[in-house]
Amino acid sequence: MGPVALLDLIGIDLGWSKETSKGETMQQILCEAGRFGIKNNKGYYNYAEGSRAPKPAPEVEAMIKALAQKKGYTPRAISDEEIVQRCIYPIINEGAKILEEKIAVRPSDLDVIWVNGYGWPVYRGGPMFYADLVGLDKVLAVMKQFQAKHGDDFKPAPLLERLVKEGKNFASLNV
């Protein structure tokens, strides 16, 4: 399931406030248009009554294009690799923050949650295991690029930076 299908399933209006909404994000725009997700058969996708099968929503595509134009984004081709990095590397980075804050004890604990709770492919081992396979230095470098291009939402976690500096990986923390 992709990220927007997941948002439709969860409910786009989760965390949205009609009173404070200013039409500045896709969440706000969709909610202001009454598109809350599967619960009312229209979100990022359209849904037939009683179905969870997503159908394209041309009206949402138009909303996305209008917001992109308003924010000055220029459409461009995005590689499969960049899509994976933009979706997965922030998960890895957030995992590093969770470890740093001692919310979780070990990276493998996070992997178990992702595999058993979110359906991460077992053969991929979880995001922290995947990060070790890719190389923390590569994850860090890409996160720094994303931060420079997209802002501090992509700021690398201090733990990620420290592990790279020390030549360690997440597996070294599984004690």
N, C-alpha and C. Protein backbone atom coordinates (compact mmCIF):
# COMPACT_ATOMS: atom_id res chain seq x y z
N MET A 1 0.85 -1.17 0.00
CA MET A 1 0.00 0.00 0.00
C MET A 1 0.89 1.23 0.00
N GLY A 2 0.60 2.14 -0.88
CA GLY A 2 1.37 3.36 -0.96
C GLY A 2 0.94 4.38 0.09
N PRO A 3 1.71 5.44 0.23
CA PRO A 3 1.43 6.42 1.29
C PRO A 3 0.07 7.11 1.17
N VAL A 4 -0.38 7.45 -0.04
CA VAL A 4 -1.67 8.14 -0.14
C VAL A 4 -2.84 7.18 0.06
N ALA A 5 -2.69 5.93 -0.36
CA ALA A 5 -3.72 4.92 -0.07
C ALA A 5 -3.82 4.71 1.43
N LEU A 6 -2.69 4.72 2.11
CA LEU A 6 -2.68 4.58 3.56
C LEU A 6 -3.39 5.77 4.21
N LEU A 7 -3.12 6.98 3.73
CA LEU A 7 -3.80 8.16 4.28
C LEU A 7 -5.32 8.06 4.07
N ASP A 8 -5.73 7.58 2.90
CA ASP A 8 -7.16 7.39 2.66
C ASP A 8 -7.75 6.37 3.64
N LEU A 9 -7.00 5.32 3.93
CA LEU A 9 -7.47 4.29 4.86
C LEU A 9 -7.58 4.83 6.28
N ILE A 10 -6.56 5.55 6.72
CA ILE A 10 -6.52 6.10 8.07
C ILE A 10 -7.58 7.18 8.24
N GLY A 11 -7.72 8.01 7.23
CA GLY A 11 -8.62 9.16 7.29
C GLY A 11 -7.80 10.42 7.17
N ILE A 12 -7.95 11.12 6.07
CA ILE A 12 -7.17 12.32 5.80
C ILE A 12 -7.44 13.39 6.85
N ASP A 13 -8.64 13.37 7.42
CA ASP A 13 -9.01 14.40 8.39
C ASP A 13 -8.45 14.16 9.78
N LEU A 14 -7.73 13.07 9.97
CA LEU A 14 -7.11 12.82 11.27
C LEU A 14 -6.07 13.91 11.54
N GLY A 15 -6.27 14.68 12.58
CA GLY A 15 -5.36 15.76 12.91
C GLY A 15 -5.66 17.07 12.21
N TRP A 16 -6.69 17.08 11.36
CA TRP A 16 -7.08 18.30 10.64
C TRP A 16 -8.08 19.08 11.47
N SER A 17 -7.99 20.39 11.44
CA SER A 17 -8.93 21.25 12.16
C SER A 17 -9.59 22.20 11.17
N LYS A 18 -10.88 22.08 11.05
CA LYS A 18 -11.64 22.96 10.15
C LYS A 18 -11.44 24.43 10.53
N GLU A 19 -11.36 24.69 11.83
CA GLU A 19 -11.25 26.06 12.32
C GLU A 19 -9.93 26.72 11.96
N THR A 20 -8.86 25.95 11.89
CA THR A 20 -7.54 26.54 11.63
C THR A 20 -7.03 26.27 10.22
N SER A 21 -7.77 25.52 9.43
CA SER A 21 -7.34 25.15 8.08
C SER A 21 -7.25 26.38 7.19
N LYS A 22 -6.14 26.46 6.42
CA LYS A 22 -5.91 27.62 5.56
C LYS A 22 -5.71 27.22 4.09
N GLY A 23 -5.98 25.96 3.76
CA GLY A 23 -5.83 25.54 2.37
C GLY A 23 -4.41 25.59 1.86
N GLU A 24 -3.43 25.36 2.75
CA GLU A 24 -2.02 25.47 2.38
C GLU A 24 -1.34 24.13 2.10
N THR A 25 -1.96 23.04 2.51
CA THR A 25 -1.39 21.71 2.30
C THR A 25 -2.41 20.84 1.59
N MET A 26 -1.97 19.72 1.04
CA MET A 26 -2.93 18.82 0.40
C MET A 26 -3.93 18.31 1.41
N GLN A 27 -3.50 18.01 2.62
CA GLN A 27 -4.44 17.56 3.65
C GLN A 27 -5.54 18.60 3.84
N GLN A 28 -5.15 19.85 4.00
CA GLN A 28 -6.13 20.91 4.21
C GLN A 28 -7.05 21.07 3.00
N ILE A 29 -6.47 21.06 1.81
CA ILE A 29 -7.25 21.24 0.59
C ILE A 29 -8.27 20.11 0.43
N LEU A 30 -7.82 18.87 0.64
CA LEU A 30 -8.72 17.73 0.49
C LEU A 30 -9.82 17.76 1.55
N CYS A 31 -9.46 18.04 2.78
CA CYS A 31 -10.46 18.08 3.85
C CYS A 31 -11.46 19.21 3.63
N GLU A 32 -10.98 20.37 3.20
CA GLU A 32 -11.88 21.49 2.92
C GLU A 32 -12.86 21.15 1.80
N ALA A 33 -12.45 20.24 0.92
CA ALA A 33 -13.31 19.79 -0.18
C ALA A 33 -14.18 18.61 0.25
N GLY A 34 -14.08 18.21 1.52
CA GLY A 34 -14.89 17.10 2.02
C GLY A 34 -14.38 15.73 1.62
N ARG A 35 -13.10 15.65 1.29
CA ARG A 35 -12.49 14.39 0.87
C ARG A 35 -11.69 13.84 2.05
N PHE A 36 -12.31 12.95 2.83
CA PHE A 36 -11.71 12.44 4.06
C PHE A 36 -11.11 11.05 3.92
N GLY A 37 -11.29 10.40 2.78
CA GLY A 37 -10.75 9.06 2.58
C GLY A 37 -11.83 8.02 2.37
N ILE A 38 -11.50 6.79 2.63
CA ILE A 38 -12.42 5.67 2.40
C ILE A 38 -13.72 5.87 3.17
N LYS A 39 -13.65 6.47 4.35
CA LYS A 39 -14.84 6.61 5.19
C LYS A 39 -15.99 7.34 4.51
N ASN A 40 -15.68 8.23 3.54
CA ASN A 40 -16.77 8.89 2.81
C ASN A 40 -16.60 8.71 1.29
N ASN A 41 -15.83 7.67 0.93
CA ASN A 41 -15.67 7.22 -0.47
C ASN A 41 -14.91 8.20 -1.36
N LYS A 42 -14.22 9.16 -0.76
CA LYS A 42 -13.40 10.06 -1.58
C LYS A 42 -12.30 10.65 -0.71
N GLY A 43 -11.09 10.48 -1.20
CA GLY A 43 -9.91 11.02 -0.56
C GLY A 43 -8.95 11.39 -1.67
N TYR A 44 -7.73 10.87 -1.60
CA TYR A 44 -6.83 11.02 -2.74
C TYR A 44 -7.38 10.26 -3.93
N TYR A 45 -8.06 9.16 -3.63
CA TYR A 45 -8.72 8.34 -4.64
C TYR A 45 -10.23 8.41 -4.43
N ASN A 46 -10.97 7.94 -5.41
CA ASN A 46 -12.41 7.76 -5.28
C ASN A 46 -12.66 6.28 -4.99
N TYR A 47 -13.75 5.99 -4.28
CA TYR A 47 -14.09 4.62 -3.91
C TYR A 47 -15.58 4.39 -4.16
N ALA A 48 -15.92 3.22 -4.70
CA ALA A 48 -17.32 2.84 -4.83
C ALA A 48 -17.86 2.53 -3.44
N GLU A 49 -19.14 2.73 -3.23
CA GLU A 49 -19.77 2.48 -1.94
C GLU A 49 -19.44 1.06 -1.47
N GLY A 50 -18.88 0.96 -0.25
CA GLY A 50 -18.56 -0.33 0.34
C GLY A 50 -17.30 -0.98 -0.19
N SER A 51 -16.54 -0.28 -1.01
CA SER A 51 -15.31 -0.85 -1.60
C SER A 51 -14.08 -0.11 -1.10
N ARG A 52 -13.01 -0.86 -0.98
CA ARG A 52 -11.73 -0.25 -0.64
C ARG A 52 -10.80 -0.18 -1.85
N ALA A 53 -11.34 -0.51 -3.01
CA ALA A 53 -10.54 -0.49 -4.24
C ALA A 53 -10.44 0.96 -4.74
N PRO A 54 -9.23 1.50 -4.77
CA PRO A 54 -9.08 2.90 -5.21
C PRO A 54 -9.29 3.06 -6.70
N LYS A 55 -9.95 4.14 -7.05
CA LYS A 55 -10.16 4.54 -8.44
C LYS A 55 -9.53 5.91 -8.62
N PRO A 56 -8.93 6.18 -9.78
CA PRO A 56 -8.32 7.49 -9.99
C PRO A 56 -9.31 8.62 -9.75
N ALA A 57 -8.79 9.72 -9.24
CA ALA A 57 -9.61 10.92 -8.96
C ALA A 57 -9.00 12.10 -9.72
N PRO A 58 -9.44 12.32 -10.96
CA PRO A 58 -8.88 13.43 -11.75
C PRO A 58 -8.99 14.77 -11.05
N GLU A 59 -10.04 14.96 -10.25
CA GLU A 59 -10.21 16.23 -9.54
C GLU A 59 -9.09 16.44 -8.52
N VAL A 60 -8.61 15.35 -7.93
CA VAL A 60 -7.50 15.46 -6.97
C VAL A 60 -6.20 15.75 -7.71
N GLU A 61 -6.02 15.13 -8.84
CA GLU A 61 -4.83 15.43 -9.66
C GLU A 61 -4.80 16.92 -10.00
N ALA A 62 -5.94 17.49 -10.31
CA ALA A 62 -6.01 18.93 -10.61
C ALA A 62 -5.67 19.75 -9.36
N MET A 63 -6.13 19.31 -8.19
CA MET A 63 -5.81 20.01 -6.94
C MET A 63 -4.31 19.97 -6.67
N ILE A 64 -3.70 18.82 -6.90
CA ILE A 64 -2.26 18.66 -6.67
C ILE A 64 -1.48 19.57 -7.62
N LYS A 65 -1.88 19.58 -8.88
CA LYS A 65 -1.19 20.44 -9.86
C LYS A 65 -1.34 21.91 -9.49
N ALA A 66 -2.51 22.31 -9.03
CA ALA A 66 -2.74 23.71 -8.64
C ALA A 66 -1.88 24.09 -7.44
N LEU A 67 -1.80 23.20 -6.45
CA LEU A 67 -0.97 23.48 -5.27
C LEU A 67 0.51 23.56 -5.67
N ALA A 68 0.94 22.64 -6.52
CA ALA A 68 2.34 22.65 -6.97
C ALA A 68 2.67 23.96 -7.69
N GLN A 69 1.76 24.39 -8.54
CA GLN A 69 1.98 25.65 -9.26
C GLN A 69 2.01 26.83 -8.29
N LYS A 70 1.08 26.84 -7.34
CA LYS A 70 1.02 27.91 -6.33
C LYS A 70 2.32 27.99 -5.54
N LYS A 71 2.91 26.84 -5.23
CA LYS A 71 4.14 26.81 -4.43
C LYS A 71 5.40 26.94 -5.30
N GLY A 72 5.22 27.02 -6.61
CA GLY A 72 6.36 27.22 -7.50
C GLY A 72 7.13 25.96 -7.83
N TYR A 73 6.51 24.80 -7.65
CA TYR A 73 7.18 23.55 -7.99
C TYR A 73 7.10 23.30 -9.48
N THR A 74 8.21 22.86 -10.05
CA THR A 74 8.26 22.51 -11.45
C THR A 74 8.19 21.00 -11.57
N PRO A 75 7.22 20.48 -12.31
CA PRO A 75 7.15 19.02 -12.47
C PRO A 75 8.44 18.48 -13.08
N ARG A 76 8.86 17.32 -12.60
CA ARG A 76 10.07 16.69 -13.12
C ARG A 76 9.94 15.18 -13.00
N ALA A 77 10.75 14.49 -13.75
CA ALA A 77 10.78 13.03 -13.64
C ALA A 77 11.49 12.66 -12.34
N ILE A 78 10.95 11.70 -11.64
CA ILE A 78 11.55 11.23 -10.39
C ILE A 78 11.84 9.75 -10.54
N SER A 79 13.06 9.36 -10.26
CA SER A 79 13.46 7.96 -10.42
C SER A 79 12.85 7.09 -9.33
N ASP A 80 12.76 5.80 -9.62
CA ASP A 80 12.28 4.85 -8.61
C ASP A 80 13.17 4.91 -7.37
N GLU A 81 14.48 5.07 -7.58
CA GLU A 81 15.42 5.13 -6.46
C GLU A 81 15.10 6.31 -5.54
N GLU A 82 14.82 7.48 -6.13
CA GLU A 82 14.51 8.65 -5.31
C GLU A 82 13.19 8.45 -4.56
N ILE A 83 12.22 7.83 -5.20
CA ILE A 83 10.95 7.57 -4.52
C ILE A 83 11.18 6.69 -3.30
N VAL A 84 11.96 5.64 -3.46
CA VAL A 84 12.27 4.75 -2.33
C VAL A 84 13.00 5.54 -1.25
N GLN A 85 13.99 6.32 -1.63
CA GLN A 85 14.75 7.10 -0.66
C GLN A 85 13.87 8.10 0.08
N ARG A 86 13.00 8.80 -0.64
CA ARG A 86 12.14 9.81 -0.01
C ARG A 86 11.13 9.17 0.94
N CYS A 87 10.74 7.94 0.66
CA CYS A 87 9.77 7.26 1.53
C CYS A 87 10.44 6.53 2.69
N ILE A 88 11.57 5.87 2.43
CA ILE A 88 12.18 4.97 3.42
C ILE A 88 13.22 5.67 4.29
N TYR A 89 14.05 6.52 3.72
CA TYR A 89 15.12 7.12 4.52
C TYR A 89 14.59 7.97 5.68
N PRO A 90 13.50 8.73 5.52
CA PRO A 90 12.96 9.42 6.69
C PRO A 90 12.46 8.46 7.78
N ILE A 91 11.97 7.29 7.39
CA ILE A 91 11.57 6.28 8.38
C ILE A 91 12.80 5.84 9.17
N ILE A 92 13.89 5.61 8.47
CA ILE A 92 15.15 5.23 9.12
C ILE A 92 15.60 6.35 10.06
N ASN A 93 15.54 7.57 9.57
CA ASN A 93 15.96 8.72 10.37
C ASN A 93 15.10 8.86 11.63
N GLU A 94 13.80 8.70 11.49
CA GLU A 94 12.90 8.76 12.65
C GLU A 94 13.21 7.62 13.62
N GLY A 95 13.55 6.44 13.07
CA GLY A 95 13.95 5.32 13.92
C GLY A 95 15.17 5.67 14.75
N ALA A 96 16.12 6.36 14.14
CA ALA A 96 17.33 6.79 14.88
C ALA A 96 16.94 7.76 15.99
N LYS A 97 15.99 8.64 15.75
CA LYS A 97 15.53 9.57 16.78
C LYS A 97 14.84 8.81 17.92
N ILE A 98 14.05 7.83 17.58
CA ILE A 98 13.35 7.02 18.58
C ILE A 98 14.35 6.29 19.46
N LEU A 99 15.42 5.78 18.86
CA LEU A 99 16.47 5.11 19.62
C LEU A 99 17.20 6.11 20.53
N GLU A 100 17.48 7.26 19.99
CA GLU A 100 18.18 8.30 20.75
C GLU A 100 17.37 8.75 21.97
N GLU A 101 16.07 8.83 21.79
CA GLU A 101 15.19 9.27 22.87
C GLU A 101 14.85 8.12 23.83
N LYS A 102 15.40 6.94 23.53
CA LYS A 102 15.20 5.74 24.35
C LYS A 102 13.73 5.31 24.43
N ILE A 103 12.98 5.62 23.39
CA ILE A 103 11.60 5.14 23.28
C ILE A 103 11.63 3.65 22.92
N ALA A 104 12.62 3.27 22.13
CA ALA A 104 12.88 1.87 21.82
C ALA A 104 14.30 1.56 22.28
N VAL A 105 14.54 0.31 22.65
CA VAL A 105 15.84 -0.08 23.19
C VAL A 105 16.84 -0.41 22.10
N ARG A 106 16.39 -1.18 21.10
CA ARG A 106 17.29 -1.66 20.06
C ARG A 106 16.71 -1.40 18.67
N PRO A 107 17.57 -1.24 17.68
CA PRO A 107 17.08 -1.12 16.30
C PRO A 107 16.23 -2.33 15.88
N SER A 108 16.60 -3.50 16.34
CA SER A 108 15.84 -4.70 15.97
C SER A 108 14.41 -4.63 16.52
N ASP A 109 14.19 -3.93 17.64
CA ASP A 109 12.83 -3.75 18.15
C ASP A 109 11.98 -2.97 17.14
N LEU A 110 12.56 -1.96 16.56
CA LEU A 110 11.85 -1.17 15.55
C LEU A 110 11.55 -2.02 14.31
N ASP A 111 12.52 -2.85 13.92
CA ASP A 111 12.31 -3.71 12.77
C ASP A 111 11.16 -4.69 13.00
N VAL A 112 11.09 -5.24 14.21
CA VAL A 112 10.00 -6.17 14.55
C VAL A 112 8.64 -5.47 14.42
N ILE A 113 8.58 -4.23 14.90
CA ILE A 113 7.33 -3.46 14.80
C ILE A 113 6.94 -3.25 13.34
N TRP A 114 7.91 -2.88 12.53
CA TRP A 114 7.62 -2.62 11.12
C TRP A 114 7.22 -3.89 10.37
N VAL A 115 7.89 -4.99 10.66
CA VAL A 115 7.57 -6.25 9.97
C VAL A 115 6.21 -6.78 10.42
N ASN A 116 5.98 -6.82 11.72
CA ASN A 116 4.76 -7.42 12.24
C ASN A 116 3.58 -6.45 12.35
N GLY A 117 3.86 -5.19 12.49
CA GLY A 117 2.78 -4.22 12.68
C GLY A 117 2.38 -3.48 11.42
N TYR A 118 3.35 -3.23 10.54
CA TYR A 118 3.07 -2.43 9.35
C TYR A 118 3.21 -3.21 8.05
N GLY A 119 3.57 -4.47 8.14
CA GLY A 119 3.66 -5.29 6.94
C GLY A 119 4.92 -5.05 6.10
N TRP A 120 5.97 -4.53 6.74
CA TRP A 120 7.25 -4.40 6.03
C TRP A 120 7.64 -5.79 5.53
N PRO A 121 8.12 -5.92 4.30
CA PRO A 121 8.47 -7.25 3.79
C PRO A 121 9.51 -7.95 4.68
N VAL A 122 9.18 -9.13 5.13
CA VAL A 122 10.05 -9.88 6.04
C VAL A 122 11.45 -10.05 5.43
N TYR A 123 11.49 -10.33 4.14
CA TYR A 123 12.78 -10.56 3.50
C TYR A 123 13.65 -9.31 3.45
N ARG A 124 13.08 -8.13 3.75
CA ARG A 124 13.85 -6.88 3.81
C ARG A 124 14.32 -6.59 5.24
N GLY A 125 13.75 -7.30 6.24
CA GLY A 125 14.25 -7.24 7.60
C GLY A 125 13.85 -6.05 8.44
N GLY A 126 13.19 -5.07 7.90
CA GLY A 126 12.83 -3.86 8.65
C GLY A 126 13.70 -2.69 8.21
N PRO A 127 13.27 -1.47 8.54
CA PRO A 127 13.99 -0.29 8.05
C PRO A 127 15.40 -0.13 8.61
N MET A 128 15.62 -0.52 9.85
CA MET A 128 16.95 -0.34 10.43
C MET A 128 17.93 -1.36 9.82
N PHE A 129 17.45 -2.59 9.63
CA PHE A 129 18.25 -3.62 8.96
C PHE A 129 18.54 -3.18 7.52
N TYR A 130 17.51 -2.67 6.84
CA TYR A 130 17.66 -2.19 5.47
C TYR A 130 18.70 -1.08 5.40
N ALA A 131 18.68 -0.18 6.39
CA ALA A 131 19.65 0.93 6.41
C ALA A 131 21.07 0.39 6.47
N ASP A 132 21.27 -0.65 7.27
CA ASP A 132 22.61 -1.25 7.35
C ASP A 132 23.02 -1.86 6.01
N LEU A 133 22.06 -2.46 5.30
CA LEU A 133 22.37 -3.04 3.99
C LEU A 133 22.76 -1.96 2.99
N VAL A 134 22.02 -0.87 3.00
CA VAL A 134 22.30 0.25 2.08
C VAL A 134 23.61 0.92 2.45
N GLY A 135 23.84 1.05 3.75
CA GLY A 135 25.01 1.76 4.27
C GLY A 135 24.56 3.05 4.91
N LEU A 136 24.86 3.21 6.19
CA LEU A 136 24.43 4.42 6.89
C LEU A 136 25.05 5.68 6.30
N ASP A 137 26.25 5.54 5.74
CA ASP A 137 26.88 6.71 5.12
C ASP A 137 26.05 7.20 3.93
N LYS A 138 25.48 6.26 3.16
CA LYS A 138 24.65 6.64 2.01
C LYS A 138 23.34 7.27 2.50
N VAL A 139 22.72 6.66 3.51
CA VAL A 139 21.47 7.20 4.06
C VAL A 139 21.72 8.63 4.57
N LEU A 140 22.80 8.82 5.30
CA LEU A 140 23.13 10.14 5.83
C LEU A 140 23.35 11.15 4.71
N ALA A 141 24.11 10.77 3.70
CA ALA A 141 24.40 11.68 2.59
C ALA A 141 23.11 12.10 1.88
N VAL A 142 22.21 11.16 1.65
CA VAL A 142 20.95 11.47 0.96
C VAL A 142 20.08 12.34 1.85
N MET A 143 20.02 12.05 3.15
CA MET A 143 19.23 12.88 4.06
C MET A 143 19.76 14.31 4.08
N LYS A 144 21.07 14.49 4.02
CA LYS A 144 21.64 15.84 3.97
C LYS A 144 21.25 16.55 2.68
N GLN A 145 21.24 15.81 1.57
CA GLN A 145 20.81 16.39 0.29
C GLN A 145 19.35 16.82 0.37
N PHE A 146 18.51 15.94 0.93
CA PHE A 146 17.10 16.26 1.07
C PHE A 146 16.89 17.47 1.98
N GLN A 147 17.68 17.53 3.06
CA GLN A 147 17.56 18.68 3.97
C GLN A 147 17.89 19.97 3.23
N ALA A 148 18.98 19.95 2.46
CA ALA A 148 19.38 21.15 1.72
C ALA A 148 18.31 21.57 0.71
N LYS A 149 17.66 20.59 0.11
CA LYS A 149 16.68 20.87 -0.94
C LYS A 149 15.27 21.12 -0.39
N HIS A 150 14.89 20.39 0.67
CA HIS A 150 13.50 20.39 1.12
C HIS A 150 13.29 20.92 2.54
N GLY A 151 14.38 21.22 3.23
CA GLY A 151 14.23 21.81 4.56
C GLY A 151 14.50 20.85 5.71
N ASP A 152 14.32 21.36 6.91
CA ASP A 152 14.72 20.65 8.12
C ASP A 152 13.84 19.46 8.49
N ASP A 153 12.75 19.23 7.79
CA ASP A 153 12.00 17.99 8.01
C ASP A 153 12.89 16.79 7.71
N PHE A 154 13.92 17.00 6.91
CA PHE A 154 14.84 15.93 6.52
C PHE A 154 16.18 16.01 7.25
N LYS A 155 16.25 16.80 8.29
CA LYS A 155 17.51 16.94 9.04
C LYS A 155 17.91 15.58 9.62
N PRO A 156 19.15 15.15 9.36
CA PRO A 156 19.59 13.86 9.88
C PRO A 156 19.62 13.82 11.41
N ALA A 157 19.24 12.69 11.94
CA ALA A 157 19.27 12.47 13.39
C ALA A 157 20.72 12.45 13.87
N PRO A 158 20.99 13.03 15.03
CA PRO A 158 22.36 13.01 15.56
C PRO A 158 22.92 11.59 15.70
N LEU A 159 22.08 10.61 16.06
CA LEU A 159 22.55 9.23 16.18
C LEU A 159 23.04 8.70 14.84
N LEU A 160 22.32 9.01 13.77
CA LEU A 160 22.75 8.59 12.44
C LEU A 160 24.11 9.20 12.11
N GLU A 161 24.27 10.47 12.39
CA GLU A 161 25.55 11.13 12.13
C GLU A 161 26.67 10.52 12.97
N ARG A 162 26.38 10.23 14.24
CA ARG A 162 27.40 9.66 15.13
C ARG A 162 27.80 8.26 14.67
N LEU A 163 26.84 7.44 14.30
CA LEU A 163 27.17 6.08 13.86
C LEU A 163 28.05 6.10 12.61
N VAL A 164 27.74 6.98 11.69
CA VAL A 164 28.56 7.09 10.47
C VAL A 164 29.96 7.55 10.84
N LYS A 165 30.06 8.56 11.70
CA LYS A 165 31.37 9.09 12.12
C LYS A 165 32.21 8.00 12.78
N GLU A 166 31.56 7.15 13.58
CA GLU A 166 32.27 6.09 14.29
C GLU A 166 32.44 4.81 13.46
N GLY A 167 31.92 4.81 12.23
CA GLY A 167 32.04 3.64 11.37
C GLY A 167 31.20 2.46 11.85
N LYS A 168 30.12 2.74 12.55
CA LYS A 168 29.25 1.68 13.08
C LYS A 168 27.95 1.63 12.29
N ASN A 169 27.15 0.63 12.57
CA ASN A 169 25.85 0.51 11.96
C ASN A 169 24.80 0.28 13.05
N PHE A 170 23.53 0.16 12.65
CA PHE A 170 22.48 -0.05 13.64
C PHE A 170 22.62 -1.41 14.33
N ALA A 171 23.09 -2.40 13.61
CA ALA A 171 23.26 -3.73 14.21
C ALA A 171 24.18 -3.69 15.42
N SER A 172 25.13 -2.76 15.42
CA SER A 172 26.06 -2.65 16.56
C SER A 172 25.35 -2.24 17.86
N LEU A 173 24.12 -1.74 17.73
CA LEU A 173 23.35 -1.30 18.89
C LEU A 173 22.42 -2.41 19.41
N ASN A 174 22.33 -3.52 18.69
CA ASN A 174 21.45 -4.62 19.08
C ASN A 174 22.10 -5.50 20.13
N VAL A 175 22.26 -4.96 21.31
CA VAL A 175 22.89 -5.73 22.42
C VAL A 175 21.91 -5.94 23.55
